[in-house]
N, C-alpha and C. Protein backbone atom coordinates (compact mmCIF):
# COMPACT_ATOMS: atom_id res chain seq x y z
N MET A 1 112.31 5.86 -26.67
CA MET A 1 112.27 4.97 -25.68
C MET A 1 111.08 5.28 -24.62
N PRO A 2 110.37 3.91 -24.50
CA PRO A 2 109.19 3.54 -24.05
C PRO A 2 109.47 4.05 -22.70
N GLY A 3 108.16 4.82 -21.70
CA GLY A 3 108.63 4.71 -20.59
C GLY A 3 108.94 6.40 -20.26
N VAL A 4 109.65 6.88 -21.08
CA VAL A 4 110.31 8.38 -20.97
C VAL A 4 109.02 9.67 -20.55
N GLU A 5 108.17 9.20 -21.54
CA GLU A 5 107.29 10.12 -21.19
C GLU A 5 106.61 10.42 -19.41
N TYR A 6 106.10 9.09 -19.28
CA TYR A 6 105.47 9.22 -17.70
C TYR A 6 106.79 9.48 -16.61
N GLN A 7 107.73 8.90 -17.30
CA GLN A 7 109.15 9.41 -16.18
C GLN A 7 109.12 10.69 -16.20
N GLU A 8 109.02 11.41 -16.88
CA GLU A 8 109.06 13.04 -17.35
C GLU A 8 107.89 13.74 -16.49
N TRP A 9 106.74 12.85 -16.61
CA TRP A 9 105.74 13.49 -15.55
C TRP A 9 105.82 13.28 -14.24
N TRP A 10 106.50 12.14 -13.86
CA TRP A 10 106.71 11.99 -12.70
C TRP A 10 107.94 12.88 -11.47
N ASP A 11 108.90 13.35 -13.31
CA ASP A 11 109.88 14.53 -12.26
C ASP A 11 109.56 15.60 -12.07
N ALA A 12 108.54 15.97 -13.01
CA ALA A 12 107.80 17.48 -13.27
C ALA A 12 107.12 17.35 -11.57
N VAL A 13 106.36 16.43 -11.48
CA VAL A 13 105.42 16.16 -9.96
C VAL A 13 106.15 16.25 -8.99
N CYS A 14 107.74 15.73 -9.04
CA CYS A 14 108.46 15.85 -7.88
C CYS A 14 109.19 17.34 -7.80
N THR A 15 109.70 17.82 -9.11
CA THR A 15 110.47 19.16 -8.93
C THR A 15 109.50 20.39 -8.58
N VAL A 16 108.39 20.48 -9.34
CA VAL A 16 107.51 21.52 -9.16
C VAL A 16 106.18 21.36 -8.60
N ASN A 17 105.81 20.20 -8.41
CA ASN A 17 104.56 19.69 -7.83
C ASN A 17 103.23 19.98 -8.66
N ASP A 18 103.63 19.46 -10.44
CA ASP A 18 102.60 19.68 -11.18
C ASP A 18 101.42 19.06 -11.42
N GLU A 19 100.60 19.48 -10.78
CA GLU A 19 99.58 18.73 -10.50
C GLU A 19 99.05 18.30 -12.00
N ALA A 20 98.73 18.68 -13.17
CA ALA A 20 98.80 18.38 -14.30
C ALA A 20 99.58 16.87 -14.65
N SER A 21 100.63 17.43 -14.68
CA SER A 21 101.33 16.15 -14.91
C SER A 21 101.32 14.74 -13.91
N PHE A 22 100.70 14.86 -12.65
CA PHE A 22 100.32 13.86 -11.89
C PHE A 22 98.97 13.10 -12.28
N ARG A 23 98.03 14.42 -13.08
CA ARG A 23 96.74 14.03 -13.61
C ARG A 23 97.39 13.15 -14.60
N GLN A 24 98.26 13.50 -15.31
CA GLN A 24 98.41 12.58 -16.92
C GLN A 24 99.11 10.95 -16.52
N LEU A 25 99.73 11.09 -15.19
CA LEU A 25 100.49 10.06 -14.77
C LEU A 25 99.37 9.21 -14.34
N PHE A 26 98.16 9.61 -13.83
CA PHE A 26 97.31 8.54 -13.25
C PHE A 26 96.37 8.30 -14.04
N ASN A 27 96.00 9.17 -15.35
CA ASN A 27 95.30 8.36 -15.87
C ASN A 27 95.98 7.50 -17.12
N HIS A 28 97.38 7.59 -16.62
CA HIS A 28 97.76 6.65 -18.23
C HIS A 28 98.45 5.24 -17.16
N PHE A 29 98.22 4.95 -15.79
CA PHE A 29 98.29 3.98 -15.11
C PHE A 29 97.01 3.37 -14.59
N TYR A 30 96.21 4.28 -14.38
CA TYR A 30 94.96 3.85 -13.49
C TYR A 30 94.34 2.53 -13.73
N THR A 31 93.82 2.21 -15.02
CA THR A 31 93.39 1.36 -15.90
C THR A 31 94.09 -0.09 -15.82
N GLY A 32 95.46 0.10 -15.90
CA GLY A 32 96.04 -1.10 -15.62
C GLY A 32 96.15 -1.52 -14.18
N LEU A 33 96.57 -0.63 -13.68
CA LEU A 33 96.74 -0.81 -12.48
C LEU A 33 95.43 -1.55 -11.50
N VAL A 34 94.56 -0.87 -11.61
CA VAL A 34 93.04 -1.99 -11.29
C VAL A 34 93.12 -3.06 -11.77
N ARG A 35 93.28 -3.34 -13.30
CA ARG A 35 93.27 -4.69 -13.95
C ARG A 35 94.18 -5.50 -12.95
N PHE A 36 95.22 -5.13 -12.78
CA PHE A 36 96.38 -6.03 -12.16
C PHE A 36 95.54 -6.06 -10.07
N ALA A 37 95.27 -5.26 -9.74
CA ALA A 37 95.16 -5.15 -8.69
C ALA A 37 93.83 -6.34 -8.29
N MET A 38 92.82 -6.19 -9.72
CA MET A 38 91.54 -6.95 -9.53
C MET A 38 92.08 -8.81 -9.63
N GLU A 39 93.50 -8.85 -9.83
CA GLU A 39 93.83 -10.32 -10.00
C GLU A 39 94.30 -10.41 -8.47
N LEU A 40 94.74 -9.64 -7.44
CA LEU A 40 94.98 -10.02 -6.19
C LEU A 40 94.23 -9.29 -5.15
N ALA A 41 93.37 -7.99 -5.17
CA ALA A 41 92.53 -7.73 -4.48
C ALA A 41 91.00 -8.74 -4.62
N ALA A 42 89.97 -8.24 -3.93
CA ALA A 42 88.79 -9.15 -4.06
C ALA A 42 87.98 -8.51 -5.06
N SER A 43 87.58 -7.30 -5.42
CA SER A 43 86.78 -6.93 -6.30
C SER A 43 87.12 -5.82 -6.97
N LYS A 44 86.26 -5.58 -8.03
CA LYS A 44 86.64 -4.39 -8.70
C LYS A 44 86.80 -2.79 -7.74
N GLU A 45 85.85 -2.94 -7.17
CA GLU A 45 85.82 -1.77 -6.04
C GLU A 45 86.81 -1.81 -4.97
N ALA A 46 87.60 -2.86 -4.78
CA ALA A 46 88.43 -2.85 -3.83
C ALA A 46 89.53 -2.67 -4.39
N ALA A 47 89.75 -3.03 -5.86
CA ALA A 47 90.91 -3.04 -6.65
C ALA A 47 91.21 -1.08 -7.13
N GLU A 48 89.94 -0.74 -7.13
CA GLU A 48 89.88 0.83 -7.44
C GLU A 48 90.56 1.48 -6.07
N GLU A 49 89.87 0.82 -5.25
CA GLU A 49 90.72 1.70 -3.52
C GLU A 49 91.86 1.62 -3.29
N VAL A 50 92.34 0.63 -3.63
CA VAL A 50 93.75 0.12 -3.41
C VAL A 50 94.52 1.07 -4.24
N VAL A 51 94.39 1.17 -5.84
CA VAL A 51 95.02 1.79 -6.97
C VAL A 51 95.02 3.87 -6.57
N SER A 52 93.76 3.98 -6.04
CA SER A 52 93.35 5.34 -5.25
C SER A 52 94.46 5.39 -4.19
N ASP A 53 94.45 4.83 -3.08
CA ASP A 53 95.32 4.90 -2.26
C ASP A 53 96.73 5.04 -2.00
N VAL A 54 97.07 4.19 -3.64
CA VAL A 54 98.55 4.27 -3.65
C VAL A 54 99.34 5.77 -4.06
N PHE A 55 97.94 6.41 -5.30
CA PHE A 55 98.52 7.62 -5.95
C PHE A 55 98.45 8.88 -4.71
N ILE A 56 96.92 8.66 -4.01
CA ILE A 56 97.30 9.41 -2.75
C ILE A 56 98.42 9.38 -2.16
N GLN A 57 99.06 8.32 -1.35
CA GLN A 57 100.13 8.18 -0.97
C GLN A 57 101.57 8.89 -1.58
N LEU A 58 101.74 8.66 -2.98
CA LEU A 58 102.13 8.85 -4.12
C LEU A 58 102.30 10.66 -4.33
N TRP A 59 101.08 11.37 -4.37
CA TRP A 59 101.31 12.55 -4.12
C TRP A 59 101.97 13.23 -2.58
N LYS A 60 101.25 12.54 -1.84
CA LYS A 60 101.48 13.20 -0.33
C LYS A 60 103.50 12.84 -0.15
N ASN A 61 104.14 11.85 -0.86
CA ASN A 61 105.39 11.93 -0.54
C ASN A 61 106.03 12.28 -1.78
N ARG A 62 105.74 12.89 -2.69
CA ARG A 62 106.26 13.41 -3.85
C ARG A 62 107.79 14.24 -3.30
N GLY A 63 107.59 14.85 -2.53
CA GLY A 63 108.91 15.79 -2.19
C GLY A 63 110.02 15.06 -1.29
N GLN A 64 109.86 13.46 -1.21
CA GLN A 64 110.71 13.14 -0.51
C GLN A 64 112.26 13.23 -1.00
N GLU A 65 113.30 13.36 -0.51
CA GLU A 65 114.45 13.25 -0.81
C GLU A 65 115.25 12.29 -1.94
N GLU A 66 114.53 11.13 -1.57
CA GLU A 66 115.07 10.05 -2.29
C GLU A 66 113.54 9.91 -3.51
N ARG A 67 114.13 10.31 -4.40
CA ARG A 67 113.11 10.14 -5.21
C ARG A 67 112.92 8.62 -6.02
N ILE A 68 111.62 8.60 -6.36
CA ILE A 68 111.55 7.37 -7.32
C ILE A 68 112.12 7.00 -8.27
N GLN A 69 113.27 6.26 -9.13
CA GLN A 69 113.78 6.37 -10.08
C GLN A 69 112.86 5.42 -11.25
N HIS A 70 111.97 4.71 -11.34
CA HIS A 70 111.35 3.75 -12.19
C HIS A 70 109.85 3.55 -11.19
N ILE A 71 109.12 4.74 -11.91
CA ILE A 71 107.74 5.00 -11.36
C ILE A 71 106.65 3.96 -11.60
N LYS A 72 106.58 3.05 -13.39
CA LYS A 72 105.97 2.23 -13.23
C LYS A 72 105.94 1.16 -12.22
N THR A 73 107.46 0.45 -12.36
CA THR A 73 107.80 -0.64 -11.34
C THR A 73 107.15 -0.17 -9.43
N TYR A 74 107.42 1.13 -9.49
CA TYR A 74 107.47 1.09 -8.23
C TYR A 74 105.49 1.12 -8.16
N LEU A 75 104.93 1.99 -8.98
CA LEU A 75 103.73 2.06 -8.67
C LEU A 75 102.86 0.47 -8.85
N TYR A 76 103.39 -0.37 -9.67
CA TYR A 76 102.63 -2.08 -9.56
C TYR A 76 103.42 -2.63 -8.10
N THR A 77 104.41 -2.33 -7.82
CA THR A 77 104.85 -3.10 -6.58
C THR A 77 104.11 -2.54 -5.63
N ALA A 78 103.94 -1.19 -5.42
CA ALA A 78 103.12 -0.61 -4.27
C ALA A 78 101.47 -1.11 -4.38
N VAL A 79 101.12 -1.43 -5.49
CA VAL A 79 100.04 -2.10 -5.45
C VAL A 79 99.58 -3.25 -5.21
N ARG A 80 100.75 -3.99 -5.58
CA ARG A 80 100.64 -5.48 -4.85
C ARG A 80 100.62 -5.39 -3.42
N ASN A 81 101.61 -4.60 -2.70
CA ASN A 81 101.70 -4.39 -1.51
C ASN A 81 100.54 -4.09 -0.65
N ARG A 82 100.01 -3.31 -1.07
CA ARG A 82 98.33 -2.75 -0.81
C ARG A 82 97.40 -3.98 -0.73
N CYS A 83 97.57 -4.79 -2.00
CA CYS A 83 96.85 -5.92 -1.97
C CYS A 83 96.94 -6.71 -1.06
N HIS A 84 98.17 -7.28 -0.75
CA HIS A 84 98.52 -8.02 0.12
C HIS A 84 97.77 -7.34 1.95
N ASN A 85 98.26 -6.13 1.85
CA ASN A 85 97.51 -5.66 3.21
C ASN A 85 96.17 -5.79 3.11
N TYR A 86 95.67 -5.54 2.18
CA TYR A 86 93.99 -5.54 2.02
C TYR A 86 93.55 -6.88 2.65
N HIS A 87 94.20 -8.13 1.98
CA HIS A 87 93.70 -9.36 2.13
C HIS A 87 94.11 -9.60 4.00
N ARG A 88 95.23 -9.06 4.21
CA ARG A 88 95.65 -9.13 5.49
C ARG A 88 94.54 -9.01 6.72
N ASP A 89 93.98 -7.41 6.37
CA ASP A 89 93.20 -7.05 7.10
C ASP A 89 91.82 -7.33 7.04
N ALA A 90 91.24 -7.82 5.71
CA ALA A 90 90.03 -8.16 5.83
C ALA A 90 89.44 -9.35 4.59
N TYR A 91 89.06 -10.72 5.11
CA TYR A 91 88.52 -11.66 3.91
C TYR A 91 87.40 -11.44 3.31
N LYS A 92 87.78 -11.30 1.80
CA LYS A 92 86.97 -10.91 1.46
C LYS A 92 86.86 -12.05 -0.25
N HIS A 93 85.36 -12.33 -0.31
CA HIS A 93 85.27 -13.20 -1.93
C HIS A 93 85.46 -12.07 -2.71
N GLN A 94 86.41 -13.12 -4.27
CA GLN A 94 86.68 -12.35 -5.07
C GLN A 94 85.23 -12.58 -6.41
N TRP A 95 85.01 -11.44 -6.40
CA TRP A 95 84.23 -11.65 -7.84
C TRP A 95 84.68 -10.78 -8.78
N GLN A 96 84.08 -11.38 -9.94
CA GLN A 96 84.93 -10.61 -11.29
C GLN A 96 83.71 -10.29 -12.34
N ALA A 97 83.41 -8.56 -12.70
CA ALA A 97 82.54 -8.21 -13.28
C ALA A 97 82.42 -8.81 -14.58
N LEU A 98 81.19 -9.14 -15.49
CA LEU A 98 81.09 -9.65 -16.66
C LEU A 98 80.95 -8.07 -17.53
N ASP A 99 81.59 -8.49 -18.90
CA ASP A 99 81.72 -7.62 -19.99
C ASP A 99 80.24 -7.31 -20.07
N ASP A 100 79.90 -6.29 -20.37
CA ASP A 100 78.56 -5.71 -21.10
C ASP A 100 78.42 -5.49 -22.41
N VAL A 101 77.70 -6.76 -23.44
CA VAL A 101 77.74 -6.97 -24.71
C VAL A 101 76.79 -6.11 -25.20
N PRO A 102 76.46 -5.50 -25.76
CA PRO A 102 75.25 -4.91 -26.73
C PRO A 102 74.48 -5.58 -27.26
N GLU A 103 73.28 -6.18 -27.53
CA GLU A 103 72.24 -6.65 -28.69
C GLU A 103 73.31 -6.62 -29.87
N PRO A 104 73.49 -7.59 -30.57
CA PRO A 104 73.85 -7.80 -31.94
C PRO A 104 72.56 -7.83 -32.55
N SER A 105 72.94 -7.60 -33.71
CA SER A 105 71.72 -7.77 -35.03
C SER A 105 71.52 -9.14 -35.12
N THR A 106 70.88 -9.74 -35.93
CA THR A 106 70.38 -10.85 -36.31
C THR A 106 71.60 -11.43 -37.59
N ASP A 107 72.04 -10.82 -38.08
CA ASP A 107 73.14 -11.23 -39.08
C ASP A 107 74.50 -11.31 -38.17
N GLU A 108 74.51 -10.76 -37.07
CA GLU A 108 75.72 -10.55 -36.28
C GLU A 108 75.84 -12.08 -35.46
N ILE A 109 74.97 -12.65 -34.99
CA ILE A 109 74.82 -13.46 -34.22
C ILE A 109 75.62 -14.79 -33.81
N HIS A 110 75.88 -15.23 -34.96
CA HIS A 110 76.58 -16.46 -35.61
C HIS A 110 78.09 -15.91 -35.02
N PRO A 111 78.69 -14.93 -35.51
CA PRO A 111 80.39 -14.95 -35.47
C PRO A 111 80.66 -14.00 -33.93
N LEU A 112 79.47 -13.61 -33.44
CA LEU A 112 79.71 -13.02 -31.98
C LEU A 112 79.50 -14.39 -30.99
N LEU A 113 78.68 -15.23 -31.25
CA LEU A 113 78.46 -16.19 -30.23
C LEU A 113 79.89 -17.40 -30.39
N GLU A 114 80.63 -17.48 -31.78
CA GLU A 114 81.68 -17.76 -31.85
C GLU A 114 83.10 -17.47 -30.80
N TYR A 115 82.88 -15.91 -31.32
CA TYR A 115 83.93 -15.15 -30.43
C TYR A 115 83.25 -15.07 -29.03
N LYS A 116 82.69 -15.12 -28.44
CA LYS A 116 81.99 -15.40 -27.21
C LYS A 116 82.55 -16.63 -26.50
N GLU A 117 82.38 -17.48 -27.47
CA GLU A 117 82.97 -18.96 -26.54
C GLU A 117 84.03 -18.80 -27.03
N MET A 118 84.98 -18.39 -28.05
CA MET A 118 86.26 -18.49 -27.88
C MET A 118 86.98 -17.56 -26.76
N LYS A 119 86.50 -16.56 -26.61
CA LYS A 119 86.76 -15.66 -25.27
C LYS A 119 86.46 -16.43 -23.76
N GLU A 120 85.62 -17.30 -23.92
CA GLU A 120 85.27 -17.89 -22.55
C GLU A 120 86.04 -19.04 -22.54
N CYS A 121 86.47 -19.39 -23.82
CA CYS A 121 87.58 -20.70 -23.82
C CYS A 121 88.97 -20.35 -23.19
N ILE A 122 89.23 -19.02 -23.81
CA ILE A 122 90.62 -18.62 -23.25
C ILE A 122 90.26 -17.58 -21.80
N ASN A 123 89.50 -17.39 -21.45
CA ASN A 123 89.35 -16.57 -19.68
C ASN A 123 89.11 -17.53 -19.14
N LEU A 124 88.85 -18.90 -19.66
CA LEU A 124 88.39 -20.03 -18.49
C LEU A 124 89.99 -20.70 -17.97
N ALA A 125 90.75 -20.63 -19.35
CA ALA A 125 92.38 -21.50 -19.66
C ALA A 125 92.66 -20.42 -18.34
N ILE A 126 93.01 -19.13 -18.60
CA ILE A 126 93.56 -18.53 -17.93
C ILE A 126 93.20 -18.40 -16.47
N ALA A 127 92.05 -18.59 -16.14
CA ALA A 127 91.08 -18.76 -14.81
C ALA A 127 91.88 -19.97 -14.17
N SER A 128 91.86 -20.66 -14.93
CA SER A 128 92.61 -22.62 -14.23
C SER A 128 94.14 -22.31 -13.90
N LEU A 129 94.65 -21.36 -14.45
CA LEU A 129 96.25 -21.34 -14.10
C LEU A 129 96.31 -20.68 -12.67
N SER A 130 97.40 -20.81 -12.00
CA SER A 130 97.70 -21.17 -10.78
C SER A 130 97.84 -19.01 -10.80
N PRO A 131 97.09 -18.93 -9.35
CA PRO A 131 97.21 -17.47 -9.27
C PRO A 131 98.62 -16.72 -9.36
N GLN A 132 99.80 -17.13 -9.24
CA GLN A 132 100.70 -16.54 -9.67
C GLN A 132 101.56 -16.81 -11.21
N CYS A 133 100.90 -17.59 -11.96
CA CYS A 133 100.75 -17.85 -13.05
C CYS A 133 100.16 -16.85 -13.91
N ARG A 134 99.16 -16.85 -13.46
CA ARG A 134 98.10 -15.70 -14.11
C ARG A 134 98.57 -14.47 -13.90
N THR A 135 99.20 -13.61 -12.79
CA THR A 135 99.43 -12.91 -12.52
C THR A 135 100.38 -12.52 -13.47
N ILE A 136 101.60 -13.16 -13.32
CA ILE A 136 102.64 -12.92 -14.43
C ILE A 136 101.99 -13.04 -15.98
N PHE A 137 101.33 -13.72 -16.32
CA PHE A 137 100.76 -14.01 -17.53
C PHE A 137 100.24 -12.34 -18.04
N ARG A 138 99.52 -11.95 -17.06
CA ARG A 138 98.66 -10.97 -17.60
C ARG A 138 99.66 -9.59 -17.33
N LEU A 139 100.52 -9.59 -16.42
CA LEU A 139 101.82 -8.33 -16.39
C LEU A 139 102.45 -8.37 -17.42
N VAL A 140 102.76 -9.60 -18.27
CA VAL A 140 103.85 -9.56 -19.58
C VAL A 140 102.64 -9.18 -20.74
N ARG A 141 101.81 -10.20 -20.80
CA ARG A 141 101.26 -10.02 -21.92
C ARG A 141 99.94 -8.76 -21.93
N GLU A 142 99.43 -8.29 -21.26
CA GLU A 142 98.42 -7.39 -21.25
C GLU A 142 99.11 -6.08 -20.75
N GLU A 143 100.37 -6.01 -19.76
CA GLU A 143 100.30 -4.78 -18.97
C GLU A 143 101.74 -4.40 -19.98
N GLY A 144 102.61 -5.39 -20.79
CA GLY A 144 103.60 -5.08 -21.36
C GLY A 144 105.09 -5.02 -20.74
N PHE A 145 105.01 -5.54 -19.60
CA PHE A 145 106.24 -5.52 -18.45
C PHE A 145 107.11 -6.45 -19.21
N LYS A 146 108.20 -6.17 -18.86
CA LYS A 146 109.47 -7.21 -19.20
C LYS A 146 109.68 -8.10 -18.06
N TYR A 147 110.22 -9.22 -18.24
CA TYR A 147 110.31 -10.35 -17.18
C TYR A 147 110.91 -9.82 -16.02
N LYS A 148 112.13 -8.90 -16.21
CA LYS A 148 112.71 -8.55 -15.00
C LYS A 148 111.77 -7.67 -14.05
N GLU A 149 110.73 -6.80 -14.70
CA GLU A 149 109.89 -5.88 -13.89
C GLU A 149 109.47 -6.49 -13.21
N VAL A 150 108.66 -7.79 -13.93
CA VAL A 150 107.82 -8.39 -13.06
C VAL A 150 108.08 -9.20 -12.12
N ALA A 151 109.61 -9.84 -12.26
CA ALA A 151 110.20 -10.07 -11.12
C ALA A 151 110.40 -9.20 -10.20
N ALA A 152 110.86 -8.30 -10.35
CA ALA A 152 111.04 -7.45 -9.30
C ALA A 152 109.91 -6.89 -8.42
N ILE A 153 108.22 -6.75 -9.54
CA ILE A 153 106.97 -6.27 -8.46
C ILE A 153 106.74 -7.71 -7.94
N LEU A 154 106.65 -8.69 -8.31
CA LEU A 154 106.54 -9.99 -7.35
C LEU A 154 107.27 -10.46 -6.56
N ASP A 155 108.60 -9.99 -6.69
CA ASP A 155 109.56 -10.51 -5.85
C ASP A 155 110.05 -11.69 -5.80
N ILE A 156 110.32 -12.29 -7.19
CA ILE A 156 110.57 -13.50 -7.50
C ILE A 156 112.03 -13.28 -8.81
N SER A 157 112.22 -14.33 -9.09
CA SER A 157 113.56 -14.55 -10.15
C SER A 157 113.00 -14.52 -11.31
N PRO A 158 114.04 -13.79 -12.31
CA PRO A 158 113.21 -13.78 -13.60
C PRO A 158 113.16 -15.09 -14.60
N ARG A 159 114.00 -16.05 -13.99
CA ARG A 159 113.58 -17.31 -14.47
C ARG A 159 112.26 -17.84 -14.00
N THR A 160 111.90 -17.57 -12.64
CA THR A 160 110.46 -17.96 -12.50
C THR A 160 109.34 -17.32 -13.41
N VAL A 161 109.33 -15.98 -14.12
CA VAL A 161 108.66 -15.12 -14.64
C VAL A 161 108.88 -16.18 -16.12
N GLU A 162 109.73 -16.46 -16.48
CA GLU A 162 109.78 -17.08 -17.84
C GLU A 162 109.25 -18.34 -17.60
N THR A 163 109.69 -19.08 -16.99
CA THR A 163 108.87 -20.28 -16.67
C THR A 163 107.07 -20.51 -16.46
N GLN A 164 106.90 -19.55 -15.89
CA GLN A 164 105.46 -19.32 -15.47
C GLN A 164 104.79 -18.92 -16.63
N LEU A 165 105.33 -17.96 -17.36
CA LEU A 165 104.99 -17.64 -18.54
C LEU A 165 104.83 -18.69 -20.00
N VAL A 166 105.60 -19.54 -20.02
CA VAL A 166 105.67 -20.74 -20.97
C VAL A 166 104.67 -21.55 -20.52
N ARG A 167 104.44 -21.99 -19.23
CA ARG A 167 102.97 -22.59 -18.66
C ARG A 167 101.97 -22.24 -19.06
N ALA A 168 101.59 -20.61 -18.74
CA ALA A 168 100.54 -20.33 -19.16
C ALA A 168 100.18 -20.33 -20.53
N THR A 169 101.48 -19.66 -21.42
CA THR A 169 100.99 -19.88 -23.03
C THR A 169 100.73 -21.32 -23.50
N GLY A 170 101.35 -22.38 -23.08
CA GLY A 170 101.39 -23.58 -23.36
C GLY A 170 99.88 -24.17 -22.89
N ARG A 171 99.05 -23.48 -21.81
CA ARG A 171 97.93 -23.93 -21.59
C ARG A 171 96.69 -23.20 -22.17
N LEU A 172 97.16 -22.02 -22.40
CA LEU A 172 96.33 -21.11 -23.43
C LEU A 172 96.38 -21.75 -25.14
N ARG A 173 97.51 -22.35 -25.43
CA ARG A 173 97.67 -23.18 -26.55
C ARG A 173 96.43 -24.50 -26.78
N GLN A 174 96.39 -25.30 -25.90
CA GLN A 174 95.80 -26.31 -25.57
C GLN A 174 94.47 -25.94 -26.04
N ALA A 175 94.01 -25.15 -25.02
CA ALA A 175 92.82 -24.56 -24.87
C ALA A 175 92.14 -23.97 -26.10
N LEU A 176 92.83 -23.56 -26.80
CA LEU A 176 92.53 -22.94 -28.41
C LEU A 176 92.80 -24.26 -29.11
N GLN A 177 93.09 -25.16 -28.99
CA GLN A 177 93.40 -26.34 -29.89
C GLN A 177 92.25 -26.98 -29.72
N GLN A 178 91.49 -27.02 -28.46
CA GLN A 178 90.57 -27.89 -27.94
C GLN A 178 89.61 -27.59 -28.69
N TYR A 179 89.08 -25.82 -28.47
CA TYR A 179 88.43 -25.10 -29.22
C TYR A 179 87.88 -25.33 -30.84
N ASN A 180 89.09 -25.25 -31.38
CA ASN A 180 89.52 -25.48 -32.62
C ASN A 180 88.83 -26.58 -33.30
N ARG A 181 89.33 -27.99 -32.44
CA ARG A 181 88.62 -29.25 -32.86
C ARG A 181 87.13 -29.32 -32.50
N HIS A 182 86.36 -28.51 -31.74
CA HIS A 182 85.21 -28.49 -31.36
C HIS A 182 84.77 -27.75 -32.36
N LEU A 183 85.13 -26.95 -32.77
CA LEU A 183 84.06 -26.22 -33.98
C LEU A 183 84.42 -26.82 -35.31
N GLN A 184 85.43 -27.68 -35.59
CA GLN A 184 85.79 -28.57 -36.52
C GLN A 184 84.71 -29.59 -36.57
N GLN A 185 84.26 -29.91 -35.65
CA GLN A 185 83.33 -31.36 -35.33
C GLN A 185 81.60 -30.58 -35.71
N LEU A 186 81.76 -29.46 -35.14
CA LEU A 186 80.57 -28.89 -35.48
C LEU A 186 80.02 -28.10 -36.96
N SER A 187 81.02 -27.83 -37.53
CA SER A 187 81.21 -27.33 -38.49
C SER A 187 80.26 -28.33 -39.84
N PRO A 188 79.44 -28.19 -40.99
CA PRO A 188 78.96 -28.83 -41.28
C PRO A 188 80.13 -29.46 -42.72
N ARG A 189 79.87 -30.72 -43.18
CA ARG A 189 81.03 -30.77 -44.13
C ARG A 189 80.64 -30.99 -45.42
């Protein structure tokens, strides 16, 4: 059953203050939470700060009587709330870091360029989605959340999650079809 391992880590943190389990929990979720926070926060640095704050607060409150039952959902919900607080407290411009791509060899350039074009096409399609639709798409497709979990995290109905996901995949399908038509026009016959 997925999630049992990190729930066991959380139980160890709560019952015996197990720092190693907390470290495993942190390492397991950190990257995904930062990616999620970058959708909601302003920059990678702000997202990292938000996620770190959530984990610091989690450690401080580990001994509370009412134990968190679903740690993954709790973490994503806490990050969402912190991001909302971040925007409430200070307006920031959104920046997204570009991927560092190593220099290709000359025989790799053509496929790499096609890959980069396709990736750019997909990223543009994702960027053109509404903020809520983009967040839902990333939580379901990239982070592996179930519709009900996303609904709980974003405080919306599961039906809204499903509708937004259908819209997102439709937009991506259209973008890829346009990209394929573009490639067919460029290819020699």
